C-alpha atoms as a PDB file:
ATOM      1  CA  PHE A   1      72.104 154.932 123.817  1.00  0.00           C
ATOM      2  CA  SER A   2      69.332 153.969 121.271  1.00  0.00           C
ATOM      3  CA  MET A   3      71.999 151.530 119.563  1.00  0.00           C
ATOM      4  CA  ALA A   4      70.701 152.154 116.156  1.00  0.00           C
ATOM      5  CA  PRO A   5      72.170 154.002 113.001  1.00  0.00           C
ATOM      6  CA  ALA A   6      71.939 157.955 113.648  1.00  0.00           C
ATOM      7  CA  GLU A   7      73.259 160.861 111.576  1.00  0.00           C
ATOM      8  CA  SER A   8      73.095 164.284 112.677  1.00  0.00           C
ATOM      9  CA  THR A   9      74.059 167.763 111.513  1.00  0.00           C
ATOM     10  CA  PRO A  10      73.405 170.237 114.632  1.00  0.00           C
ATOM     11  CA  GLU A  11      73.021 173.440 112.673  1.00  0.00           C
ATOM     12  CA  GLU A  12      69.948 175.307 111.740  1.00  0.00           C
ATOM     13  CA  GLY A  13      68.770 173.838 108.485  1.00  0.00           C
ATOM     14  CA  GLY A  14      70.992 170.828 109.284  1.00  0.00           C
ATOM     15  CA  ALA A  15      69.468 167.298 108.985  1.00  0.00           C
ATOM     16  CA  PHE A  16      69.224 164.686 111.384  1.00  0.00           C
ATOM     17  CA  MET A  17      68.299 160.763 110.753  1.00  0.00           C
ATOM     18  CA  MET A  18      67.610 158.049 113.763  1.00  0.00           C
ATOM     19  CA  TYR A  19      66.592 154.464 113.606  1.00  0.00           C
ATOM     20  CA  GLY A  20      68.131 153.732 110.214  1.00  0.00           C
ATOM     21  CA  GLY A  21      66.438 156.554 108.517  1.00  0.00           C
ATOM     22  CA  SER A  22      62.860 155.586 110.039  1.00  0.00           C
ATOM     23  CA  LEU A  23      62.802 159.088 111.740  1.00  0.00           C
ATOM     24  CA  HIS A  24      64.194 162.035 110.316  1.00  0.00           C
ATOM     25  CA  GLY A  25      64.000 165.884 109.820  1.00  0.00           C
ATOM     26  CA  THR A  26      65.904 169.051 110.114  1.00  0.00           C
ATOM     27  CA  TYR A  27      67.165 171.656 112.773  1.00  0.00           C
ATOM     28  CA  GLU A  28      65.003 174.806 112.612  1.00  0.00           C
ATOM     29  CA  GLU A  29      66.553 176.341 115.563  1.00  0.00           C
ATOM     30  CA  LEU A  30      69.403 175.626 118.236  1.00  0.00           C
ATOM     31  CA  VAL A  31      69.698 177.662 120.959  1.00  0.00           C
ATOM     32  CA  PRO A  32      72.580 176.190 123.093  1.00  0.00           C
ATOM     33  CA  PRO A  33      72.184 174.831 125.649  1.00  0.00           C
ATOM     34  CA  ASN A  34      68.449 175.615 126.143  1.00  0.00           C
ATOM     35  CA  ARG A  35      66.283 174.927 123.264  1.00  0.00           C
ATOM     36  CA  ILE A  36      66.144 172.841 119.998  1.00  0.00           C
ATOM     37  CA  VAL A  37      63.274 172.900 117.266  1.00  0.00           C
ATOM     38  CA  GLN A  38      62.881 170.268 114.923  1.00  0.00           C
ATOM     39  CA  LYS A  39      60.731 169.645 111.600  1.00  0.00           C
ATOM     40  CA  TRP A  40      60.075 165.862 112.177  1.00  0.00           C
ATOM     41  CA  ARG A  41      58.685 162.888 110.815  1.00  0.00           C
ATOM     42  CA  PHE A  42      58.322 159.079 110.572  1.00  0.00           C
ATOM     43  CA  SER A  43      59.080 157.645 107.150  1.00  0.00           C
ATOM     44  CA  SER A  44      55.543 155.747 107.424  1.00  0.00           C
ATOM     45  CA  TRP A  45      53.885 159.351 107.092  1.00  0.00           C
ATOM     46  CA  GLU A  46      52.970 160.426 103.977  1.00  0.00           C
ATOM     47  CA  ASP A  47      55.352 162.051 101.824  1.00  0.00           C
ATOM     48  CA  GLY A  48      55.774 165.957 103.206  1.00  0.00           C
ATOM     49  CA  VAL A  49      54.124 165.480 106.465  1.00  0.00           C
ATOM     50  CA  PHE A  50      56.314 166.847 109.121  1.00  0.00           C
ATOM     51  CA  SER A  51      55.676 167.740 112.862  1.00  0.00           C
ATOM     52  CA  LYS A  52      57.378 170.093 114.975  1.00  0.00           C
ATOM     53  CA  VAL A  53      59.169 169.300 117.965  1.00  0.00           C
ATOM     54  CA  VAL A  54      60.019 171.774 120.495  1.00  0.00           C
ATOM     55  CA  ILE A  55      62.594 170.576 123.081  1.00  0.00           C
ATOM     56  CA  ALA A  56      63.409 173.242 126.337  1.00  0.00           C
ATOM     57  CA  ILE A  57      66.294 172.497 128.712  1.00  0.00           C
ATOM     58  CA  GLU A  58      66.639 173.903 131.983  1.00  0.00           C
ATOM     59  CA  GLU A  59      69.129 173.487 134.857  1.00  0.00           C
ATOM     60  CA  THR A  60      66.831 174.549 137.724  1.00  0.00           C
ATOM     61  CA  GLU A  61      69.372 173.794 140.096  1.00  0.00           C
ATOM     62  CA  PRO A  62      72.919 172.622 139.913  1.00  0.00           C
ATOM     63  CA  GLY A  63      72.986 168.728 138.860  1.00  0.00           C
ATOM     64  CA  ASN A  64      69.260 169.035 138.101  1.00  0.00           C
ATOM     65  CA  THR A  65      67.985 169.280 134.500  1.00  0.00           C
ATOM     66  CA  VAL A  66      64.481 169.497 133.409  1.00  0.00           C
ATOM     67  CA  VAL A  67      63.709 168.650 129.958  1.00  0.00           C
ATOM     68  CA  LYS A  68      60.375 169.558 128.357  1.00  0.00           C
ATOM     69  CA  LEU A  69      59.006 168.372 125.062  1.00  0.00           C
ATOM     70  CA  VAL A  70      56.128 169.531 123.106  1.00  0.00           C
ATOM     71  CA  GLN A  71      55.406 167.907 119.645  1.00  0.00           C
ATOM     72  CA  THR A  72      52.679 169.405 117.164  1.00  0.00           C
ATOM     73  CA  GLY A  73      51.463 168.633 113.908  1.00  0.00           C
ATOM     74  CA  LEU A  74      51.334 164.844 114.137  1.00  0.00           C
ATOM     75  CA  PRO A  75      49.091 163.465 111.489  1.00  0.00           C
ATOM     76  CA  GLU A  76      45.878 161.229 112.175  1.00  0.00           C
ATOM     77  CA  SER A  77      47.086 158.395 110.394  1.00  0.00           C
ATOM     78  CA  ASP A  78      50.245 157.280 108.492  1.00  0.00           C
ATOM     79  CA  LYS A  79      50.480 156.400 104.619  1.00  0.00           C
ATOM     80  CA  TYR A  80      49.192 152.781 105.475  1.00  0.00           C
ATOM     81  CA  GLY A  81      46.003 153.969 107.115  1.00  0.00           C
ATOM     82  CA  ASN A  82      47.234 153.304 110.764  1.00  0.00           C
ATOM     83  CA  GLU A  83      45.331 155.602 112.920  1.00  0.00           C
ATOM     84  CA  ASP A  84      47.616 155.142 115.998  1.00  0.00           C
ATOM     85  CA  VAL A  85      50.294 157.794 115.131  1.00  0.00           C
ATOM     86  CA  TYR A  86      49.871 159.635 118.298  1.00  0.00           C
ATOM     87  CA  ASP A  87      50.015 156.447 120.856  1.00  0.00           C
ATOM     88  CA  THR A  88      52.842 155.338 118.534  1.00  0.00           C
ATOM     89  CA  THR A  89      54.689 158.483 118.749  1.00  0.00           C
ATOM     90  CA  GLU A  90      54.032 158.982 122.756  1.00  0.00           C
ATOM     91  CA  LYS A  91      55.295 155.567 123.181  1.00  0.00           C
ATOM     92  CA  GLY A  92      58.501 155.854 121.007  1.00  0.00           C
ATOM     93  CA  TRP A  93      59.610 159.248 123.123  1.00  0.00           C
ATOM     94  CA  LYS A  94      58.759 157.550 126.170  1.00  0.00           C
ATOM     95  CA  ASP A  95      60.529 154.029 125.855  1.00  0.00           C
ATOM     96  CA  ASN A  96      63.092 154.591 123.055  1.00  0.00           C
ATOM     97  CA  ILE A  97      64.558 157.958 124.068  1.00  0.00           C
ATOM     98  CA  PHE A  98      63.618 159.050 127.836  1.00  0.00           C
ATOM     99  CA  GLY A  99      63.244 155.523 128.854  1.00  0.00           C
ATOM    100  CA  LYS A 100      66.617 154.718 127.772  1.00  0.00           C
ATOM    101  CA  ILE A 101      68.203 157.901 129.025  1.00  0.00           C
ATOM    102  CA  ARG A 102      66.919 157.011 132.120  1.00  0.00           C
ATOM    103  CA  ARG A 103      68.854 153.546 132.143  1.00  0.00           C
ATOM    104  CA  VAL A 104      72.031 154.542 130.752  1.00  0.00           C
ATOM    105  CA  PHE A 105      72.190 157.599 133.487  1.00  0.00           C
ATOM    106  CA  GLY A 106      69.931 155.761 136.434  1.00  0.00           C
ATOM    107  CA  TYR A 107      67.453 158.773 136.818  1.00  0.00           C
ATOM    108  CA  GLY A 108      64.932 161.036 135.142  1.00  0.00           C
ATOM    109  CA  VAL A 109      61.436 160.666 133.436  1.00  0.00           C
END
Protein backbone atom coordinates (compact mmCIF):
# COMPACT_ATOMS: atom_id res chain seq x y z
CA PHE A 1 0.00 0.00 0.00
CA SER A 2 2.94 2.40 0.43
CA MET A 3 4.08 1.91 -3.18
CA ALA A 4 7.69 2.44 -2.00
CA PRO A 5 10.58 -0.02 -1.70
CA ALA A 6 10.35 -2.15 1.45
CA GLU A 7 12.04 -5.23 2.89
CA SER A 8 11.15 -7.30 5.93
CA THR A 9 12.42 -10.37 7.76
CA PRO A 10 9.50 -10.96 10.16
CA GLU A 11 11.27 -12.82 12.95
CA GLU A 12 12.63 -11.66 16.29
CA GLY A 13 15.92 -9.90 15.55
CA GLY A 14 15.00 -9.63 11.86
CA ALA A 15 15.35 -6.32 10.05
CA PHE A 16 12.78 -4.21 8.24
CA MET A 17 13.14 -1.24 5.92
CA MET A 18 10.56 1.01 4.28
CA TYR A 19 10.62 3.97 1.91
CA GLY A 20 13.92 3.02 0.32
CA GLY A 21 15.70 2.84 3.67
CA SER A 22 14.63 6.16 5.17
CA LEU A 23 12.79 4.17 7.87
CA HIS A 24 14.31 1.02 9.30
CA GLY A 25 14.83 -1.09 12.39
CA THR A 26 14.45 -4.57 13.85
CA TYR A 27 11.68 -6.76 15.19
CA GLU A 28 12.14 -7.12 18.93
CA GLU A 29 9.06 -9.25 19.62
CA LEU A 30 6.47 -10.96 17.42
CA VAL A 31 3.40 -12.64 18.91
CA PRO A 32 1.19 -13.60 15.95
CA PRO A 33 -1.45 -12.43 15.46
CA ASN A 34 -1.61 -9.97 18.36
CA ARG A 35 1.61 -8.06 19.01
CA ILE A 36 4.57 -6.53 17.18
CA VAL A 37 7.40 -4.70 18.95
CA GLN A 38 9.98 -2.89 16.84
CA LYS A 39 13.18 -0.96 17.39
CA TRP A 40 12.43 1.82 14.86
CA ARG A 41 14.17 4.88 13.39
CA PHE A 42 14.37 7.34 10.53
CA SER A 43 17.71 7.69 8.77
CA SER A 44 17.55 11.43 9.51
CA TRP A 45 17.94 10.74 13.25
CA GLU A 46 21.34 10.78 14.94
CA ASP A 47 23.22 7.50 14.49
CA GLY A 48 22.25 4.90 17.06
CA VAL A 49 18.98 6.63 18.07
CA PHE A 50 15.97 4.31 17.96
CA SER A 51 12.42 4.58 19.22
CA LYS A 52 10.23 1.68 20.34
CA VAL A 53 7.00 0.87 18.51
CA VAL A 54 4.44 -1.46 20.04
CA ILE A 55 1.53 -2.54 17.86
CA ALA A 56 -1.31 -4.45 19.53
CA ILE A 57 -3.91 -6.10 17.31
CA GLU A 58 -7.21 -7.38 18.66
CA GLU A 59 -10.23 -8.80 16.87
CA THR A 60 -12.95 -7.37 19.10
CA GLU A 61 -15.66 -9.31 17.27
CA PRO A 62 -15.71 -11.28 14.03
CA GLY A 63 -14.83 -8.91 11.19
CA ASN A 64 -13.79 -6.00 13.47
CA THR A 65 -10.16 -5.47 14.37
CA VAL A 66 -8.66 -2.77 16.59
CA VAL A 67 -5.03 -1.75 16.09
CA LYS A 68 -3.34 0.18 18.89
CA LEU A 69 0.06 1.76 18.29
CA VAL A 70 2.34 3.28 20.92
CA GLN A 71 5.69 4.80 20.00
CA THR A 72 8.14 5.93 22.67
CA GLY A 73 11.66 7.26 22.73
CA LEU A 74 11.37 9.76 19.88
CA PRO A 75 14.30 12.18 19.79
CA GLU A 76 13.61 15.88 20.29
CA SER A 77 15.31 16.71 17.00
CA ASP A 78 16.94 14.99 14.05
CA LYS A 79 20.61 15.16 13.09
CA TYR A 80 19.92 18.29 11.01
CA GLY A 81 18.49 20.20 13.99
CA ASN A 82 14.84 19.91 12.93
CA GLU A 83 12.70 19.90 16.06
CA ASP A 84 9.53 18.58 14.41
CA VAL A 85 10.34 14.87 14.84
CA TYR A 86 7.20 14.16 16.89
CA ASP A 87 4.86 15.95 14.47
CA THR A 88 6.53 14.46 11.39
CA THR A 89 6.38 10.95 12.84
CA GLU A 90 2.73 11.26 13.91
CA LYS A 91 1.76 12.66 10.49
CA GLY A 92 3.65 9.81 8.81
CA TRP A 93 1.72 7.16 10.73
CA LYS A 94 -1.60 8.89 10.02
CA ASP A 95 -1.06 9.74 6.34
CA ASN A 96 1.40 7.16 5.02
CA ILE A 97 0.35 4.09 6.99
CA PHE A 98 -3.13 4.22 8.47
CA GLY A 99 -4.54 6.63 5.87
CA LYS A 100 -3.35 4.41 3.03
CA ILE A 101 -4.71 1.30 4.73
CA ARG A 102 -8.04 3.09 5.00
CA ARG A 103 -8.00 4.01 1.31
CA VAL A 104 -7.05 0.48 0.25
CA PHE A 105 -9.59 -1.31 2.44
CA GLY A 106 -12.22 1.43 2.64
CA TYR A 107 -12.45 1.75 6.41
CA GLY A 108 -10.47 2.35 9.57
CA VAL A 109 -8.75 5.22 11.38
